[in-house]
């Protein structure tokens, strides 16, 4: 998964919610299940971005300490 993926980006990774254009009689998942899957993917992306920001901030602080 790309840590800098934009919210509307289509290629989010293997874990992205699958879109299927099937009638409700065939579709096994309920609306709530699909929404939960979508929210889980969004939460994972937010966590990755947060982690990347923390890492960059730490690197910046270490770099500033070395310069002094």
PDB file of N, CA and C in Angstrom:
ATOM      1  N   UNK A   1       0.841  -1.177   0.000  1.00  0.00           N
ATOM      2  CA  UNK A   1       0.000   0.000   0.000  1.00  0.00           C
ATOM      3  C   UNK A   1       0.889   1.245   0.000  1.00  0.00           C
ATOM      4  N   UNK A   2       0.530   2.203  -0.803  1.00  0.00           N
ATOM      5  CA  UNK A   2       1.297   3.438  -0.919  1.00  0.00           C
ATOM      6  C   UNK A   2       0.987   4.342   0.277  1.00  0.00           C
ATOM      7  N   UNK A   3       2.004   4.689   1.086  1.00  0.00           N
ATOM      8  CA  UNK A   3       1.722   5.521   2.257  1.00  0.00           C
ATOM      9  C   UNK A   3       1.229   6.923   1.911  1.00  0.00           C
ATOM     10  N   UNK A   4       1.522   7.379   0.698  1.00  0.00           N
ATOM     11  CA  UNK A   4       1.107   8.731   0.314  1.00  0.00           C
ATOM     12  C   UNK A   4      -0.057   8.703  -0.671  1.00  0.00           C
ATOM     13  N   UNK A   5      -0.866   7.651  -0.639  1.00  0.00           N
ATOM     14  CA  UNK A   5      -2.009   7.537  -1.544  1.00  0.00           C
ATOM     15  C   UNK A   5      -3.038   8.605  -1.202  1.00  0.00           C
ATOM     16  N   UNK A   6      -3.635   9.142  -2.226  1.00  0.00           N
ATOM     17  CA  UNK A   6      -4.668  10.150  -2.023  1.00  0.00           C
ATOM     18  C   UNK A   6      -5.998   9.432  -1.743  1.00  0.00           C
ATOM     19  N   UNK A   7      -6.932  10.095  -1.056  1.00  0.00           N
ATOM     20  CA  UNK A   7      -8.190   9.429  -0.687  1.00  0.00           C
ATOM     21  C   UNK A   7      -8.971   8.861  -1.866  1.00  0.00           C
ATOM     22  N   UNK A   8      -8.949   9.532  -3.010  1.00  0.00           N
ATOM     23  CA  UNK A   8      -9.754   9.077  -4.145  1.00  0.00           C
ATOM     24  C   UNK A   8      -8.949   8.202  -5.115  1.00  0.00           C
ATOM     25  N   UNK A   9      -7.733   7.853  -4.743  1.00  0.00           N
ATOM     26  CA  UNK A   9      -6.892   7.056  -5.624  1.00  0.00           C
ATOM     27  C   UNK A   9      -7.462   5.649  -5.756  1.00  0.00           C
ATOM     28  N   UNK A  10      -7.492   5.126  -6.953  1.00  0.00           N
ATOM     29  CA  UNK A  10      -8.098   3.815  -7.182  1.00  0.00           C
ATOM     30  C   UNK A  10      -7.200   2.677  -6.713  1.00  0.00           C
ATOM     31  N   UNK A  11      -5.920   2.730  -7.027  1.00  0.00           N
ATOM     32  CA  UNK A  11      -5.027   1.618  -6.699  1.00  0.00           C
ATOM     33  C   UNK A  11      -4.493   1.792  -5.282  1.00  0.00           C
ATOM     34  N   UNK A  12      -5.210   1.219  -4.337  1.00  0.00           N
ATOM     35  CA  UNK A  12      -4.864   1.372  -2.928  1.00  0.00           C
ATOM     36  C   UNK A  12      -4.045   0.176  -2.464  1.00  0.00           C
ATOM     37  N   UNK A  13      -4.077  -0.915  -3.180  1.00  0.00           N
ATOM     38  CA  UNK A  13      -3.357  -2.105  -2.784  1.00  0.00           C
ATOM     39  C   UNK A  13      -4.260  -3.321  -2.821  1.00  0.00           C
ATOM     40  N   UNK A  14      -3.707  -4.434  -2.389  1.00  0.00           N
ATOM     41  CA  UNK A  14      -4.454  -5.687  -2.441  1.00  0.00           C
ATOM     42  C   UNK A  14      -5.629  -5.680  -1.476  1.00  0.00           C
ATOM     43  N   UNK A  15      -5.563  -4.846  -0.429  1.00  0.00           N
ATOM     44  CA  UNK A  15      -6.597  -4.841   0.605  1.00  0.00           C
ATOM     45  C   UNK A  15      -7.774  -3.922   0.282  1.00  0.00           C
ATOM     46  N   UNK A  16      -7.752  -3.284  -0.883  1.00  0.00           N
ATOM     47  CA  UNK A  16      -8.821  -2.335  -1.183  1.00  0.00           C
ATOM     48  C   UNK A  16     -10.168  -3.044  -1.275  1.00  0.00           C
ATOM     49  N   UNK A  17     -11.256  -2.342  -0.956  1.00  0.00           N
ATOM     50  CA  UNK A  17     -12.573  -2.971  -1.049  1.00  0.00           C
ATOM     51  C   UNK A  17     -12.901  -3.322  -2.499  1.00  0.00           C
ATOM     52  N   UNK A  18     -13.408  -4.494  -2.695  1.00  0.00           N
ATOM     53  CA  UNK A  18     -13.728  -4.955  -4.048  1.00  0.00           C
ATOM     54  C   UNK A  18     -15.103  -4.415  -4.440  1.00  0.00           C
ATOM     55  N   UNK A  19     -15.164  -3.841  -5.630  1.00  0.00           N
ATOM     56  CA  UNK A  19     -16.433  -3.333  -6.131  1.00  0.00           C
ATOM     57  C   UNK A  19     -16.997  -4.385  -7.073  1.00  0.00           C
ATOM     58  N   UNK A  20     -18.177  -4.839  -6.788  1.00  0.00           N
ATOM     59  CA  UNK A  20     -18.810  -5.822  -7.670  1.00  0.00           C
ATOM     60  C   UNK A  20     -20.189  -5.303  -8.036  1.00  0.00           C
ATOM     61  N   UNK A  21     -20.486  -5.362  -9.293  1.00  0.00           N
ATOM     62  CA  UNK A  21     -21.768  -4.869  -9.782  1.00  0.00           C
ATOM     63  C   UNK A  21     -22.696  -6.064  -9.961  1.00  0.00           C
ATOM     64  N   UNK A  22     -23.166  -6.553  -8.841  1.00  0.00           N
ATOM     65  CA  UNK A  22     -24.038  -7.722  -8.854  1.00  0.00           C
ATOM     66  C   UNK A  22     -25.376  -7.378  -8.221  1.00  0.00           C
ATOM     67  N   UNK A  23     -26.419  -8.070  -8.612  1.00  0.00           N
ATOM     68  CA  UNK A  23     -27.709  -7.836  -7.966  1.00  0.00           C
ATOM     69  C   UNK A  23     -27.656  -8.284  -6.502  1.00  0.00           C
ATOM     70  N   UNK A  24     -28.511  -7.706  -5.675  1.00  0.00           N
ATOM     71  CA  UNK A  24     -28.486  -7.994  -4.244  1.00  0.00           C
ATOM     72  C   UNK A  24     -28.793  -9.460  -3.949  1.00  0.00           C
ATOM     73  N   UNK A  25     -29.479 -10.145  -4.851  1.00  0.00           N
ATOM     74  CA  UNK A  25     -29.797 -11.555  -4.639  1.00  0.00           C
ATOM     75  C   UNK A  25     -28.532 -12.410  -4.655  1.00  0.00           C
ATOM     76  N   UNK A  26     -27.537 -12.001  -5.450  1.00  0.00           N
ATOM     77  CA  UNK A  26     -26.296 -12.772  -5.581  1.00  0.00           C
ATOM     78  C   UNK A  26     -25.250 -12.288  -4.579  1.00  0.00           C
ATOM     79  N   UNK A  27     -25.217 -10.992  -4.329  1.00  0.00           N
ATOM     80  CA  UNK A  27     -24.204 -10.395  -3.440  1.00  0.00           C
ATOM     81  C   UNK A  27     -24.351 -10.939  -2.029  1.00  0.00           C
ATOM     82  N   UNK A  28     -23.246 -11.468  -1.485  1.00  0.00           N
ATOM     83  CA  UNK A  28     -23.276 -12.090  -0.159  1.00  0.00           C
ATOM     84  C   UNK A  28     -23.122 -11.055   0.955  1.00  0.00           C
ATOM     85  N   UNK A  29     -22.368  -9.993   0.687  1.00  0.00           N
ATOM     86  CA  UNK A  29     -22.100  -9.002   1.733  1.00  0.00           C
ATOM     87  C   UNK A  29     -23.250  -8.008   1.854  1.00  0.00           C
ATOM     88  N   UNK A  30     -23.484  -7.567   3.080  1.00  0.00           N
ATOM     89  CA  UNK A  30     -24.505  -6.545   3.298  1.00  0.00           C
ATOM     90  C   UNK A  30     -23.850  -5.177   3.131  1.00  0.00           C
ATOM     91  N   UNK A  31     -24.676  -4.155   3.099  1.00  0.00           N
ATOM     92  CA  UNK A  31     -24.162  -2.791   2.989  1.00  0.00           C
ATOM     93  C   UNK A  31     -23.234  -2.472   4.159  1.00  0.00           C
ATOM     94  N   UNK A  32     -23.621  -2.892   5.360  1.00  0.00           N
ATOM     95  CA  UNK A  32     -22.798  -2.631   6.549  1.00  0.00           C
ATOM     96  C   UNK A  32     -21.428  -3.303   6.447  1.00  0.00           C
ATOM     97  N   UNK A  33     -21.400  -4.520   5.920  1.00  0.00           N
ATOM     98  CA  UNK A  33     -20.122  -5.228   5.758  1.00  0.00           C
ATOM     99  C   UNK A  33     -19.224  -4.505   4.764  1.00  0.00           C
ATOM    100  N   UNK A  34     -19.816  -4.038   3.665  1.00  0.00           N
ATOM    101  CA  UNK A  34     -19.031  -3.304   2.665  1.00  0.00           C
ATOM    102  C   UNK A  34     -18.500  -2.005   3.257  1.00  0.00           C
ATOM    103  N   UNK A  35     -19.342  -1.298   4.010  1.00  0.00           N
ATOM    104  CA  UNK A  35     -18.928  -0.039   4.641  1.00  0.00           C
ATOM    105  C   UNK A  35     -17.813  -0.286   5.651  1.00  0.00           C
ATOM    106  N   UNK A  36     -17.940  -1.364   6.437  1.00  0.00           N
ATOM    107  CA  UNK A  36     -16.922  -1.687   7.442  1.00  0.00           C
ATOM    108  C   UNK A  36     -15.584  -1.984   6.775  1.00  0.00           C
ATOM    109  N   UNK A  37     -15.630  -2.705   5.654  1.00  0.00           N
ATOM    110  CA  UNK A  37     -14.401  -3.019   4.919  1.00  0.00           C
ATOM    111  C   UNK A  37     -13.753  -1.741   4.391  1.00  0.00           C
ATOM    112  N   UNK A  38     -14.571  -0.869   3.857  1.00  0.00           N
ATOM    113  CA  UNK A  38     -14.081   0.404   3.318  1.00  0.00           C
ATOM    114  C   UNK A  38     -13.460   1.261   4.426  1.00  0.00           C
ATOM    115  N   UNK A  39     -14.113   1.314   5.580  1.00  0.00           N
ATOM    116  CA  UNK A  39     -13.589   2.096   6.701  1.00  0.00           C
ATOM    117  C   UNK A  39     -12.294   1.504   7.240  1.00  0.00           C
ATOM    118  N   UNK A  40     -12.177   0.185   7.221  1.00  0.00           N
ATOM    119  CA  UNK A  40     -10.943  -0.466   7.681  1.00  0.00           C
ATOM    120  C   UNK A  40      -9.775  -0.103   6.775  1.00  0.00           C
ATOM    121  N   UNK A  41     -10.018  -0.071   5.477  1.00  0.00           N
ATOM    122  CA  UNK A  41      -8.966   0.303   4.530  1.00  0.00           C
ATOM    123  C   UNK A  41      -8.554   1.759   4.761  1.00  0.00           C
ATOM    124  N   UNK A  42      -9.534   2.638   4.962  1.00  0.00           N
ATOM    125  CA  UNK A  42      -9.236   4.054   5.207  1.00  0.00           C
ATOM    126  C   UNK A  42      -8.453   4.222   6.507  1.00  0.00           C
ATOM    127  N   UNK A  43      -8.815   3.472   7.543  1.00  0.00           N
ATOM    128  CA  UNK A  43      -8.113   3.563   8.818  1.00  0.00           C
ATOM    129  C   UNK A  43      -6.677   3.083   8.674  1.00  0.00           C
ATOM    130  N   UNK A  44      -6.487   2.021   7.901  1.00  0.00           N
ATOM    131  CA  UNK A  44      -5.129   1.510   7.681  1.00  0.00           C
ATOM    132  C   UNK A  44      -4.282   2.547   6.944  1.00  0.00           C
ATOM    133  N   UNK A  45      -4.884   3.195   5.941  1.00  0.00           N
ATOM    134  CA  UNK A  45      -4.150   4.218   5.185  1.00  0.00           C
ATOM    135  C   UNK A  45      -3.771   5.391   6.091  1.00  0.00           C
ATOM    136  N   UNK A  46      -4.712   5.807   6.965  1.00  0.00           N
ATOM    137  CA  UNK A  46      -4.414   6.897   7.902  1.00  0.00           C
ATOM    138  C   UNK A  46      -3.272   6.514   8.827  1.00  0.00           C
ATOM    139  N   UNK A  47      -3.273   5.277   9.302  1.00  0.00           N
ATOM    140  CA  UNK A  47      -2.212   4.815  10.205  1.00  0.00           C
ATOM    141  C   UNK A  47      -0.861   4.827   9.508  1.00  0.00           C
ATOM    142  N   UNK A  48      -0.834   4.426   8.256  1.00  0.00           N
ATOM    143  CA  UNK A  48       0.423   4.418   7.500  1.00  0.00           C
ATOM    144  C   UNK A  48       0.931   5.844   7.325  1.00  0.00           C
ATOM    145  N   UNK A  49       0.035   6.753   6.975  1.00  0.00           N
ATOM    146  CA  UNK A  49       0.435   8.156   6.796  1.00  0.00           C
ATOM    147  C   UNK A  49       0.944   8.745   8.106  1.00  0.00           C
ATOM    148  N   UNK A  50       0.254   8.436   9.205  1.00  0.00           N
ATOM    149  CA  UNK A  50       0.652   8.946  10.518  1.00  0.00           C
ATOM    150  C   UNK A  50       2.043   8.434  10.873  1.00  0.00           C
ATOM    151  N   UNK A  51       2.269   7.161  10.615  1.00  0.00           N
ATOM    152  CA  UNK A  51       3.564   6.554  10.902  1.00  0.00           C
ATOM    153  C   UNK A  51       4.663   7.204  10.060  1.00  0.00           C
ATOM    154  N   UNK A  52       4.354   7.459   8.791  1.00  0.00           N
ATOM    155  CA  UNK A  52       5.334   8.089   7.902  1.00  0.00           C
ATOM    156  C   UNK A  52       5.667   9.503   8.384  1.00  0.00           C
ATOM    157  N   UNK A  53       4.649  10.252   8.825  1.00  0.00           N
ATOM    158  CA  UNK A  53       4.895  11.604   9.333  1.00  0.00           C
ATOM    159  C   UNK A  53       5.767  11.567  10.583  1.00  0.00           C
ATOM    160  N   UNK A  54       5.469  10.634  11.491  1.00  0.00           N
ATOM    161  CA  UNK A  54       6.271  10.507  12.719  1.00  0.00           C
ATOM    162  C   UNK A  54       7.720  10.184  12.390  1.00  0.00           C
ATOM    163  N   UNK A  55       7.905   9.262  11.456  1.00  0.00           N
ATOM    164  CA  UNK A  55       9.252   8.846  11.073  1.00  0.00           C
ATOM    165  C   UNK A  55      10.031  10.026  10.486  1.00  0.00           C
ATOM    166  N   UNK A  56       9.384  10.772   9.600  1.00  0.00           N
ATOM    167  CA  UNK A  56      10.053  11.928   8.989  1.00  0.00           C
ATOM    168  C   UNK A  56      10.380  12.988  10.033  1.00  0.00           C
ATOM    169  N   UNK A  57       9.485  13.182  10.989  1.00  0.00           N
ATOM    170  CA  UNK A  57       9.722  14.164  12.045  1.00  0.00           C
ATOM    171  C   UNK A  57      10.920  13.747  12.896  1.00  0.00           C
ATOM    172  N   UNK A  58      11.000  12.451  13.227  1.00  0.00           N
ATOM    173  CA  UNK A  58      12.132  11.951  14.000  1.00  0.00           C
ATOM    174  C   UNK A  58      13.437  12.152  13.244  1.00  0.00           C
ATOM    175  N   UNK A  59      13.423  11.817  11.954  1.00  0.00           N
ATOM    176  CA  UNK A  59      14.628  11.995  11.142  1.00  0.00           C
ATOM    177  C   UNK A  59      15.051  13.461  11.117  1.00  0.00           C
ATOM    178  N   UNK A  60      14.088  14.369  11.003  1.00  0.00           N
ATOM    179  CA  UNK A  60      14.387  15.796  10.961  1.00  0.00           C
ATOM    180  C   UNK A  60      15.017  16.244  12.278  1.00  0.00           C
ATOM    181  N   UNK A  61      14.453  15.784  13.406  1.00  0.00           N
ATOM    182  CA  UNK A  61      14.999  16.159  14.707  1.00  0.00           C
ATOM    183  C   UNK A  61      16.423  15.633  14.889  1.00  0.00           C
ATOM    184  N   UNK A  62      16.678  14.409  14.462  1.00  0.00           N
ATOM    185  CA  UNK A  62      18.033  13.843  14.558  1.00  0.00           C
ATOM    186  C   UNK A  62      18.996  14.638  13.694  1.00  0.00           C
ATOM    187  N   UNK A  63      18.537  15.002  12.505  1.00  0.00           N
ATOM    188  CA  UNK A  63      19.368  15.790  11.604  1.00  0.00           C
ATOM    189  C   UNK A  63      19.695  17.160  12.198  1.00  0.00           C
ATOM    190  N   UNK A  64      18.714  17.792  12.826  1.00  0.00           N
ATOM    191  CA  UNK A  64      18.934  19.105  13.441  1.00  0.00           C
ATOM    192  C   UNK A  64      19.898  18.995  14.622  1.00  0.00           C
ATOM    193  N   UNK A  65      19.797  17.924  15.395  1.00  0.00           N
ATOM    194  CA  UNK A  65      20.700  17.722  16.525  1.00  0.00           C
ATOM    195  C   UNK A  65      22.130  17.513  16.058  1.00  0.00           C
ATOM    196  N   UNK A  66      22.296  16.835  14.919  1.00  0.00           N
ATOM    197  CA  UNK A  66      23.640  16.596  14.381  1.00  0.00           C
ATOM    198  C   UNK A  66      24.279  17.903  13.917  1.00  0.00           C
ATOM    199  N   UNK A  67      23.491  18.812  13.405  1.00  0.00           N
ATOM    200  CA  UNK A  67      24.007  20.082  12.886  1.00  0.00           C
ATOM    201  C   UNK A  67      24.504  20.983  14.022  1.00  0.00           C
ATOM    202  N   UNK A  68      23.925  20.839  15.192  1.00  0.00           N
ATOM    203  CA  UNK A  68      24.302  21.712  16.311  1.00  0.00           C
ATOM    204  C   UNK A  68      25.603  21.334  16.954  1.00  0.00           C
TER     205      UNK A  68
END
